[in-house]
Every structure is written in C-alpha cells, then in structure tokens.
C-alpha cells in the first residue's frame, strides 16, 4: 500500500512540474519579449517557424540588447515553436 501511495505522489509531482514548466515558458516569453514590444508581433509566425527559426529571432533581439541567457533562449524558442497559429496569449 505504501508503494502505491508513493507512486501516486511521485506521478503527481512529475505532472505538476510539467505544468509549472509550461507556465514558466509562457511567463518567461511574455516578460522577456513583451518588455520591449508586444508579443502579438509574433502571432503571424506561430505554427510556421520551428525552434531553430525562433532561436534566430531571439538571437536578433539579444543583439539589440535583450537580456536573455542561453537557457531562456532555448525555453522561449521551444515555447514559441510549440504554439499553433492564433494561440493565446501571444495572439489577442
């Protein structure tokens, strides 16, 4: 019985961390990218660019002065690459 409870608790912890990670990626993107311009600027590109293309976009913003580290860049690019056209909150 204890093992079953432990397995359930670990499963919930893992599921919770996935949800937190998704929220963190969204919030990171809104905070980092939205601090200089509206993130709705990306809307027309959602569902069309992969992570490599979004990485180039973020690299361009870094060259213009965005304060984004390598892990944040990877997270933002992956998050944007995973969104479908018209996804909220990027598209309003």
PDB file of N, CA and C in Angstrom:
ATOM      1  N   UNK A   1       0.824  -1.195   0.000  1.00  0.00           N
ATOM      2  CA  UNK A   1       0.000   0.000   0.000  1.00  0.00           C
ATOM      3  C   UNK A   1       0.871   1.262   0.000  1.00  0.00           C
ATOM      4  N   UNK A   2       1.929   1.252   0.793  1.00  0.00           N
ATOM      5  CA  UNK A   2       2.818   2.419   0.855  1.00  0.00           C
ATOM      6  C   UNK A   2       3.455   2.690  -0.505  1.00  0.00           C
ATOM      7  N   UNK A   3       3.827   1.622  -1.207  1.00  0.00           N
ATOM      8  CA  UNK A   3       4.442   1.786  -2.524  1.00  0.00           C
ATOM      9  C   UNK A   3       3.471   2.428  -3.509  1.00  0.00           C
ATOM     10  N   UNK A   4       2.210   2.041  -3.431  1.00  0.00           N
ATOM     11  CA  UNK A   4       1.199   2.616  -4.328  1.00  0.00           C
ATOM     12  C   UNK A   4       1.018   4.105  -4.039  1.00  0.00           C
ATOM     13  N   UNK A   5       0.988   4.451  -2.791  1.00  0.00           N
ATOM     14  CA  UNK A   5       0.847   5.866  -2.408  1.00  0.00           C
ATOM     15  C   UNK A   5       2.060   6.652  -2.885  1.00  0.00           C
ATOM     16  N   UNK A   6       3.232   6.082  -2.706  1.00  0.00           N
ATOM     17  CA  UNK A   6       4.461   6.734  -3.141  1.00  0.00           C
ATOM     18  C   UNK A   6       4.463   6.942  -4.659  1.00  0.00           C
ATOM     19  N   UNK A   7       4.038   5.946  -5.393  1.00  0.00           N
ATOM     20  CA  UNK A   7       3.973   6.053  -6.854  1.00  0.00           C
ATOM     21  C   UNK A   7       2.996   7.143  -7.267  1.00  0.00           C
ATOM     22  N   UNK A   8       1.849   7.198  -6.634  1.00  0.00           N
ATOM     23  CA  UNK A   8       0.857   8.234  -6.948  1.00  0.00           C
ATOM     24  C   UNK A   8       1.429   9.615  -6.633  1.00  0.00           C
ATOM     25  N   UNK A   9       2.083   9.753  -5.501  1.00  0.00           N
ATOM     26  CA  UNK A   9       2.643  11.044  -5.126  1.00  0.00           C
ATOM     27  C   UNK A   9       3.734  11.479  -6.111  1.00  0.00           C
ATOM     28  N   UNK A  10       4.598  10.557  -6.519  1.00  0.00           N
ATOM     29  CA  UNK A  10       5.633  10.887  -7.487  1.00  0.00           C
ATOM     30  C   UNK A  10       5.032  11.258  -8.838  1.00  0.00           C
ATOM     31  N   UNK A  11       3.992  10.548  -9.242  1.00  0.00           N
ATOM     32  CA  UNK A  11       3.321  10.852 -10.508  1.00  0.00           C
ATOM     33  C   UNK A  11       2.725  12.254 -10.486  1.00  0.00           C
ATOM     34  N   UNK A  12       2.109  12.607  -9.375  1.00  0.00           N
ATOM     35  CA  UNK A  12       1.533  13.954  -9.248  1.00  0.00           C
ATOM     36  C   UNK A  12       2.618  15.019  -9.252  1.00  0.00           C
ATOM     37  N   UNK A  13       3.731  14.741  -8.629  1.00  0.00           N
ATOM     38  CA  UNK A  13       4.840  15.705  -8.603  1.00  0.00           C
ATOM     39  C   UNK A  13       5.389  15.927  -9.999  1.00  0.00           C
ATOM     40  N   UNK A  14       5.557  14.864 -10.755  1.00  0.00           N
ATOM     41  CA  UNK A  14       6.060  14.984 -12.118  1.00  0.00           C
ATOM     42  C   UNK A  14       5.058  15.744 -12.983  1.00  0.00           C
ATOM     43  N   UNK A  15       3.791  15.401 -12.895  1.00  0.00           N
ATOM     44  CA  UNK A  15       2.758  16.093 -13.671  1.00  0.00           C
ATOM     45  C   UNK A  15       2.720  17.565 -13.304  1.00  0.00           C
ATOM     46  N   UNK A  16       2.842  17.877 -12.031  1.00  0.00           N
ATOM     47  CA  UNK A  16       2.842  19.263 -11.591  1.00  0.00           C
ATOM     48  C   UNK A  16       4.030  20.036 -12.124  1.00  0.00           C
ATOM     49  N   UNK A  17       5.181  19.401 -12.201  1.00  0.00           N
ATOM     50  CA  UNK A  17       6.364  20.102 -12.699  1.00  0.00           C
ATOM     51  C   UNK A  17       6.248  20.382 -14.185  1.00  0.00           C
ATOM     52  N   UNK A  18       5.578  19.522 -14.932  1.00  0.00           N
ATOM     53  CA  UNK A  18       5.356  19.775 -16.358  1.00  0.00           C
ATOM     54  C   UNK A  18       4.457  20.980 -16.532  1.00  0.00           C
ATOM     55  N   UNK A  19       3.406  21.074 -15.737  1.00  0.00           N
ATOM     56  CA  UNK A  19       2.503  22.223 -15.812  1.00  0.00           C
ATOM     57  C   UNK A  19       3.251  23.495 -15.443  1.00  0.00           C
ATOM     58  N   UNK A  20       4.035  23.460 -14.380  1.00  0.00           N
ATOM     59  CA  UNK A  20       4.801  24.632 -13.964  1.00  0.00           C
ATOM     60  C   UNK A  20       5.776  25.033 -15.062  1.00  0.00           C
ATOM     61  N   UNK A  21       6.436  24.058 -15.684  1.00  0.00           N
ATOM     62  CA  UNK A  21       7.386  24.363 -16.744  1.00  0.00           C
ATOM     63  C   UNK A  21       6.697  25.072 -17.907  1.00  0.00           C
ATOM     64  N   UNK A  22       5.506  24.624 -18.276  1.00  0.00           N
ATOM     65  CA  UNK A  22       4.773  25.265 -19.368  1.00  0.00           C
ATOM     66  C   UNK A  22       4.392  26.689 -18.971  1.00  0.00           C
ATOM     67  N   UNK A  23       3.940  26.884 -17.761  1.00  0.00           N
ATOM     68  CA  UNK A  23       3.593  28.227 -17.303  1.00  0.00           C
ATOM     69  C   UNK A  23       4.837  29.111 -17.251  1.00  0.00           C
ATOM     70  N   UNK A  24       5.925  28.552 -16.846  1.00  0.00           N
ATOM     71  CA  UNK A  24       7.164  29.306 -16.768  1.00  0.00           C
ATOM     72  C   UNK A  24       7.619  29.749 -18.155  1.00  0.00           C
ATOM     73  N   UNK A  25       7.522  28.877 -19.139  1.00  0.00           N
ATOM     74  CA  UNK A  25       7.911  29.224 -20.509  1.00  0.00           C
ATOM     75  C   UNK A  25       7.027  30.343 -21.046  1.00  0.00           C
ATOM     76  N   UNK A  26       5.734  30.239 -20.794  1.00  0.00           N
ATOM     77  CA  UNK A  26       4.804  31.287 -21.238  1.00  0.00           C
ATOM     78  C   UNK A  26       5.132  32.608 -20.554  1.00  0.00           C
ATOM     79  N   UNK A  27       5.277  32.559 -19.240  1.00  0.00           N
ATOM     80  CA  UNK A  27       5.553  33.778 -18.482  1.00  0.00           C
ATOM     81  C   UNK A  27       6.895  34.374 -18.862  1.00  0.00           C
ATOM     82  N   UNK A  28       7.897  33.528 -19.058  1.00  0.00           N
ATOM     83  CA  UNK A  28       9.220  33.992 -19.470  1.00  0.00           C
ATOM     84  C   UNK A  28       9.122  34.721 -20.807  1.00  0.00           C
ATOM     85  N   UNK A  29       8.403  34.139 -21.753  1.00  0.00           N
ATOM     86  CA  UNK A  29       8.242  34.747 -23.075  1.00  0.00           C
ATOM     87  C   UNK A  29       7.516  36.080 -22.966  1.00  0.00           C
ATOM     88  N   UNK A  30       6.434  36.112 -22.213  1.00  0.00           N
ATOM     89  CA  UNK A  30       5.684  37.362 -22.058  1.00  0.00           C
ATOM     90  C   UNK A  30       6.539  38.433 -21.394  1.00  0.00           C
ATOM     91  N   UNK A  31       7.304  38.044 -20.377  1.00  0.00           N
ATOM     92  CA  UNK A  31       8.124  39.019 -19.650  1.00  0.00           C
ATOM     93  C   UNK A  31       9.320  39.500 -20.464  1.00  0.00           C
ATOM     94  N   UNK A  32      10.076  38.560 -21.015  1.00  0.00           N
ATOM     95  CA  UNK A  32      11.303  38.925 -21.730  1.00  0.00           C
ATOM     96  C   UNK A  32      11.010  39.596 -23.067  1.00  0.00           C
ATOM     97  N   UNK A  33      10.113  39.024 -23.839  1.00  0.00           N
ATOM     98  CA  UNK A  33       9.838  39.558 -25.177  1.00  0.00           C
ATOM     99  C   UNK A  33       8.868  40.737 -25.117  1.00  0.00           C
ATOM    100  N   UNK A  34       7.939  40.653 -24.185  1.00  0.00           N
ATOM    101  CA  UNK A  34       6.938  41.705 -24.069  1.00  0.00           C
ATOM    102  C   UNK A  34       7.426  42.953 -23.359  1.00  0.00           C
ATOM    103  N   UNK A  35       8.640  42.921 -22.820  1.00  0.00           N
ATOM    104  CA  UNK A  35       9.142  44.099 -22.117  1.00  0.00           C
ATOM    105  C   UNK A  35       9.561  45.207 -23.084  1.00  0.00           C
ATOM    106  N   UNK A  36       9.881  44.853 -24.336  1.00  0.00           N
ATOM    107  CA  UNK A  36      10.295  45.858 -25.324  1.00  0.00           C
ATOM    108  C   UNK A  36       9.222  46.104 -26.392  1.00  0.00           C
ATOM    109  N   UNK A  37       8.461  45.092 -26.686  1.00  0.00           N
ATOM    110  CA  UNK A  37       7.403  45.218 -27.698  1.00  0.00           C
ATOM    111  C   UNK A  37       6.319  44.209 -27.385  1.00  0.00           C
ATOM    112  N   UNK A  38       5.167  44.380 -27.978  1.00  0.00           N
ATOM    113  CA  UNK A  38       4.081  43.435 -27.759  1.00  0.00           C
ATOM    114  C   UNK A  38       4.403  42.076 -28.358  1.00  0.00           C
ATOM    115  N   UNK A  39       4.062  41.021 -27.633  1.00  0.00           N
ATOM    116  CA  UNK A  39       4.316  39.682 -28.148  1.00  0.00           C
ATOM    117  C   UNK A  39       3.365  39.326 -29.284  1.00  0.00           C
ATOM    118  N   UNK A  40       2.301  40.095 -29.459  1.00  0.00           N
ATOM    119  CA  UNK A  40       1.382  39.852 -30.568  1.00  0.00           C
ATOM    120  C   UNK A  40       2.097  40.034 -31.916  1.00  0.00           C
ATOM    121  N   UNK A  41       3.259  40.668 -31.877  1.00  0.00           N
ATOM    122  CA  UNK A  41       4.095  40.824 -33.067  1.00  0.00           C
ATOM    123  C   UNK A  41       4.466  39.454 -33.655  1.00  0.00           C
ATOM    124  N   UNK A  42       4.517  38.426 -32.806  1.00  0.00           N
ATOM    125  CA  UNK A  42       4.879  37.078 -33.231  1.00  0.00           C
ATOM    126  C   UNK A  42       3.705  36.287 -33.792  1.00  0.00           C
ATOM    127  N   UNK A  43       2.502  36.770 -33.603  1.00  0.00           N
ATOM    128  CA  UNK A  43       1.299  35.994 -33.901  1.00  0.00           C
ATOM    129  C   UNK A  43       1.298  35.408 -35.315  1.00  0.00           C
ATOM    130  N   UNK A  44       1.623  36.194 -36.304  1.00  0.00           N
ATOM    131  CA  UNK A  44       1.547  35.714 -37.683  1.00  0.00           C
ATOM    132  C   UNK A  44       2.567  34.631 -37.999  1.00  0.00           C
ATOM    133  N   UNK A  45       3.535  34.429 -37.113  1.00  0.00           N
ATOM    134  CA  UNK A  45       4.578  33.430 -37.337  1.00  0.00           C
ATOM    135  C   UNK A  45       4.346  32.128 -36.577  1.00  0.00           C
ATOM    136  N   UNK A  46       3.364  32.117 -35.671  1.00  0.00           N
ATOM    137  CA  UNK A  46       3.103  30.911 -34.889  1.00  0.00           C
ATOM    138  C   UNK A  46       2.604  29.797 -35.798  1.00  0.00           C
ATOM    139  N   UNK A  47       3.118  28.607 -35.561  1.00  0.00           N
ATOM    140  CA  UNK A  47       2.740  27.454 -36.367  1.00  0.00           C
ATOM    141  C   UNK A  47       3.507  27.353 -37.669  1.00  0.00           C
ATOM    142  N   UNK A  48       4.367  28.331 -37.945  1.00  0.00           N
ATOM    143  CA  UNK A  48       5.134  28.346 -39.191  1.00  0.00           C
ATOM    144  C   UNK A  48       6.636  28.198 -38.970  1.00  0.00           C
ATOM    145  N   UNK A  49       7.104  28.596 -37.794  1.00  0.00           N
ATOM    146  CA  UNK A  49       8.545  28.559 -37.507  1.00  0.00           C
ATOM    147  C   UNK A  49       8.841  27.436 -36.526  1.00  0.00           C
ATOM    148  N   UNK A  50       9.982  26.790 -36.747  1.00  0.00           N
ATOM    149  CA  UNK A  50      10.430  25.773 -35.801  1.00  0.00           C
ATOM    150  C   UNK A  50      11.343  26.420 -34.758  1.00  0.00           C
ATOM    151  N   UNK A  51      11.842  25.606 -33.835  1.00  0.00           N
ATOM    152  CA  UNK A  51      12.686  26.137 -32.752  1.00  0.00           C
ATOM    153  C   UNK A  51      13.943  26.812 -33.281  1.00  0.00           C
ATOM    154  N   UNK A  52      14.523  26.281 -34.345  1.00  0.00           N
ATOM    155  CA  UNK A  52      15.736  26.890 -34.910  1.00  0.00           C
ATOM    156  C   UNK A  52      15.443  28.294 -35.446  1.00  0.00           C
ATOM    157  N   UNK A  53      14.313  28.449 -36.112  1.00  0.00           N
ATOM    158  CA  UNK A  53      13.938  29.764 -36.644  1.00  0.00           C
ATOM    159  C   UNK A  53      13.641  30.742 -35.510  1.00  0.00           C
ATOM    160  N   UNK A  54      12.953  30.267 -34.463  1.00  0.00           N
ATOM    161  CA  UNK A  54      12.669  31.147 -33.322  1.00  0.00           C
ATOM    162  C   UNK A  54      13.956  31.506 -32.584  1.00  0.00           C
ATOM    163  N   UNK A  55      14.914  30.588 -32.551  1.00  0.00           N
ATOM    164  CA  UNK A  55      16.205  30.885 -31.923  1.00  0.00           C
ATOM    165  C   UNK A  55      16.885  32.038 -32.643  1.00  0.00           C
ATOM    166  N   UNK A  56      16.805  32.064 -33.954  1.00  0.00           N
ATOM    167  CA  UNK A  56      17.384  33.167 -34.729  1.00  0.00           C
ATOM    168  C   UNK A  56      16.684  34.484 -34.398  1.00  0.00           C
ATOM    169  N   UNK A  57      15.369  34.437 -34.228  1.00  0.00           N
ATOM    170  CA  UNK A  57      14.626  35.646 -33.857  1.00  0.00           C
ATOM    171  C   UNK A  57      15.106  36.148 -32.492  1.00  0.00           C
ATOM    172  N   UNK A  58      15.216  35.236 -31.531  1.00  0.00           N
ATOM    173  CA  UNK A  58      15.662  35.617 -30.186  1.00  0.00           C
ATOM    174  C   UNK A  58      17.104  36.120 -30.236  1.00  0.00           C
ATOM    175  N   UNK A  59      17.956  35.478 -31.030  1.00  0.00           N
ATOM    176  CA  UNK A  59      19.338  35.958 -31.178  1.00  0.00           C
ATOM    177  C   UNK A  59      19.356  37.399 -31.689  1.00  0.00           C
ATOM    178  N   UNK A  60      18.466  37.722 -32.614  1.00  0.00           N
ATOM    179  CA  UNK A  60      18.372  39.087 -33.121  1.00  0.00           C
ATOM    180  C   UNK A  60      17.977  40.078 -32.038  1.00  0.00           C
ATOM    181  N   UNK A  61      17.086  39.648 -31.155  1.00  0.00           N
ATOM    182  CA  UNK A  61      16.671  40.516 -30.050  1.00  0.00           C
ATOM    183  C   UNK A  61      17.809  40.697 -29.047  1.00  0.00           C
ATOM    184  N   UNK A  62      18.582  39.636 -28.839  1.00  0.00           N
ATOM    185  CA  UNK A  62      19.738  39.728 -27.939  1.00  0.00           C
ATOM    186  C   UNK A  62      20.745  40.728 -28.495  1.00  0.00           C
ATOM    187  N   UNK A  63      20.964  40.693 -29.801  1.00  0.00           N
ATOM    188  CA  UNK A  63      21.883  41.649 -30.433  1.00  0.00           C
ATOM    189  C   UNK A  63      21.400  43.085 -30.268  1.00  0.00           C
ATOM    190  N   UNK A  64      20.096  43.251 -30.137  1.00  0.00           N
ATOM    191  CA  UNK A  64      19.524  44.592 -29.945  1.00  0.00           C
ATOM    192  C   UNK A  64      19.460  44.983 -28.473  1.00  0.00           C
ATOM    193  N   UNK A  65      19.943  44.075 -27.588  1.00  0.00           N
ATOM    194  CA  UNK A  65      20.028  44.431 -26.177  1.00  0.00           C
ATOM    195  C   UNK A  65      19.147  43.645 -25.223  1.00  0.00           C
ATOM    196  N   UNK A  66      18.376  42.689 -25.720  1.00  0.00           N
ATOM    197  CA  UNK A  66      17.541  41.889 -24.822  1.00  0.00           C
ATOM    198  C   UNK A  66      18.423  41.100 -23.863  1.00  0.00           C
ATOM    199  N   UNK A  67      18.045  41.082 -22.613  1.00  0.00           N
ATOM    200  CA  UNK A  67      18.793  40.367 -21.580  1.00  0.00           C
ATOM    201  C   UNK A  67      18.195  38.967 -21.435  1.00  0.00           C
ATOM    202  N   UNK A  68      18.664  38.036 -22.279  1.00  0.00           N
ATOM    203  CA  UNK A  68      18.162  36.668 -22.309  1.00  0.00           C
ATOM    204  C   UNK A  68      19.373  35.737 -22.319  1.00  0.00           C
ATOM    205  N   UNK A  69      19.426  34.825 -21.351  1.00  0.00           N
ATOM    206  CA  UNK A  69      20.554  33.887 -21.308  1.00  0.00           C
ATOM    207  C   UNK A  69      20.267  32.676 -22.210  1.00  0.00           C
ATOM    208  N   UNK A  70      21.233  31.776 -22.330  1.00  0.00           N
ATOM    209  CA  UNK A  70      21.107  30.640 -23.243  1.00  0.00           C
ATOM    210  C   UNK A  70      19.934  29.728 -22.894  1.00  0.00           C
ATOM    211  N   UNK A  71      19.729  29.443 -21.616  1.00  0.00           N
ATOM    212  CA  UNK A  71      18.617  28.577 -21.209  1.00  0.00           C
ATOM    213  C   UNK A  71      17.288  29.263 -21.493  1.00  0.00           C
ATOM    214  N   UNK A  72      17.190  30.538 -21.209  1.00  0.00           N
ATOM    215  CA  UNK A  72      15.958  31.280 -21.500  1.00  0.00           C
ATOM    216  C   UNK A  72      15.686  31.302 -23.000  1.00  0.00           C
ATOM    217  N   UNK A  73      16.723  31.475 -23.794  1.00  0.00           N
ATOM    218  CA  UNK A  73      16.576  31.483 -25.247  1.00  0.00           C
ATOM    219  C   UNK A  73      16.001  30.158 -25.731  1.00  0.00           C
ATOM    220  N   UNK A  74      16.548  29.075 -25.228  1.00  0.00           N
ATOM    221  CA  UNK A  74      16.074  27.742 -25.603  1.00  0.00           C
ATOM    222  C   UNK A  74      14.613  27.556 -25.190  1.00  0.00           C
ATOM    223  N   UNK A  75      14.280  27.997 -23.994  1.00  0.00           N
ATOM    224  CA  UNK A  75      12.915  27.861 -23.486  1.00  0.00           C
ATOM    225  C   UNK A  75      11.940  28.682 -24.320  1.00  0.00           C
ATOM    226  N   UNK A  76      12.284  29.918 -24.607  1.00  0.00           N
ATOM    227  CA  UNK A  76      11.412  30.802 -25.391  1.00  0.00           C
ATOM    228  C   UNK A  76      11.230  30.253 -26.803  1.00  0.00           C
ATOM    229  N   UNK A  77      12.313  29.860 -27.444  1.00  0.00           N
ATOM    230  CA  UNK A  77      12.240  29.335 -28.814  1.00  0.00           C
ATOM    231  C   UNK A  77      11.396  28.062 -28.861  1.00  0.00           C
ATOM    232  N   UNK A  78      11.591  27.184 -27.902  1.00  0.00           N
ATOM    233  CA  UNK A  78      10.804  25.952 -27.843  1.00  0.00           C
ATOM    234  C   UNK A  78       9.335  26.215 -27.599  1.00  0.00           C
ATOM    235  N   UNK A  79       9.060  27.162 -26.708  1.00  0.00           N
ATOM    236  CA  UNK A  79       7.675  27.521 -26.402  1.00  0.00           C
ATOM    237  C   UNK A  79       6.977  28.075 -27.643  1.00  0.00           C
ATOM    238  N   UNK A  80       7.612  29.037 -28.307  1.00  0.00           N
ATOM    239  CA  UNK A  80       7.004  29.639 -29.498  1.00  0.00           C
ATOM    240  C   UNK A  80       6.860  28.620 -30.625  1.00  0.00           C
ATOM    241  N   UNK A  81       7.830  27.728 -30.778  1.00  0.00           N
ATOM    242  CA  UNK A  81       7.761  26.704 -31.826  1.00  0.00           C
ATOM    243  C   UNK A  81       6.611  25.729 -31.582  1.00  0.00           C
ATOM    244  N   UNK A  82       6.259  25.539 -30.332  1.00  0.00           N
ATOM    245  CA  UNK A  82       5.192  24.605 -29.985  1.00  0.00           C
ATOM    246  C   UNK A  82       3.790  25.170 -30.080  1.00  0.00           C
ATOM    247  N   UNK A  83       3.665  26.467 -30.293  1.00  0.00           N
ATOM    248  CA  UNK A  83       2.337  27.083 -30.367  1.00  0.00           C
ATOM    249  C   UNK A  83       1.741  26.963 -31.762  1.00  0.00           C
ATOM    250  N   UNK A  84       0.439  26.855 -31.806  1.00  0.00           N
ATOM    251  CA  UNK A  84      -0.273  26.809 -33.082  1.00  0.00           C
ATOM    252  C   UNK A  84      -0.694  28.219 -33.479  1.00  0.00           C
ATOM    253  N   UNK A  85      -0.989  28.393 -34.746  1.00  0.00           N
ATOM    254  CA  UNK A  85      -1.448  29.702 -35.235  1.00  0.00           C
ATOM    255  C   UNK A  85      -2.618  30.189 -34.403  1.00  0.00           C
ATOM    256  N   UNK A  86      -2.565  31.457 -34.030  1.00  0.00           N
ATOM    257  CA  UNK A  86      -3.650  32.066 -33.272  1.00  0.00           C
ATOM    258  C   UNK A  86      -3.641  31.785 -31.784  1.00  0.00           C
ATOM    259  N   UNK A  87      -2.596  31.152 -31.261  1.00  0.00           N
ATOM    260  CA  UNK A  87      -2.550  30.761 -29.851  1.00  0.00           C
ATOM    261  C   UNK A  87      -2.573  31.966 -28.925  1.00  0.00           C
ATOM    262  N   UNK A  88      -3.319  31.839 -27.856  1.00  0.00           N
ATOM    263  CA  UNK A  88      -3.357  32.830 -26.801  1.00  0.00           C
ATOM    264  C   UNK A  88      -2.252  32.504 -25.807  1.00  0.00           C
ATOM    265  N   UNK A  89      -1.685  33.389 -25.103  1.00  0.00           N
ATOM    266  CA  UNK A  89      -1.921  34.824 -25.065  1.00  0.00           C
ATOM    267  C   UNK A  89      -1.093  35.616 -26.063  1.00  0.00           C
ATOM    268  N   UNK A  90      -0.325  34.927 -26.906  1.00  0.00           N
ATOM    269  CA  UNK A  90       0.502  35.641 -27.891  1.00  0.00           C
ATOM    270  C   UNK A  90      -0.379  36.408 -28.863  1.00  0.00           C
ATOM    271  N   UNK A  91      -1.382  35.731 -29.390  1.00  0.00           N
ATOM    272  CA  UNK A  91      -2.320  36.371 -30.316  1.00  0.00           C
ATOM    273  C   UNK A  91      -3.524  36.844 -29.519  1.00  0.00           C
ATOM    274  N   UNK A  92      -3.926  38.052 -29.760  1.00  0.00           N
ATOM    275  CA  UNK A  92      -5.040  38.610 -28.974  1.00  0.00           C
ATOM    276  C   UNK A  92      -6.346  38.541 -29.705  1.00  0.00           C
TER     277      UNK A  92
END
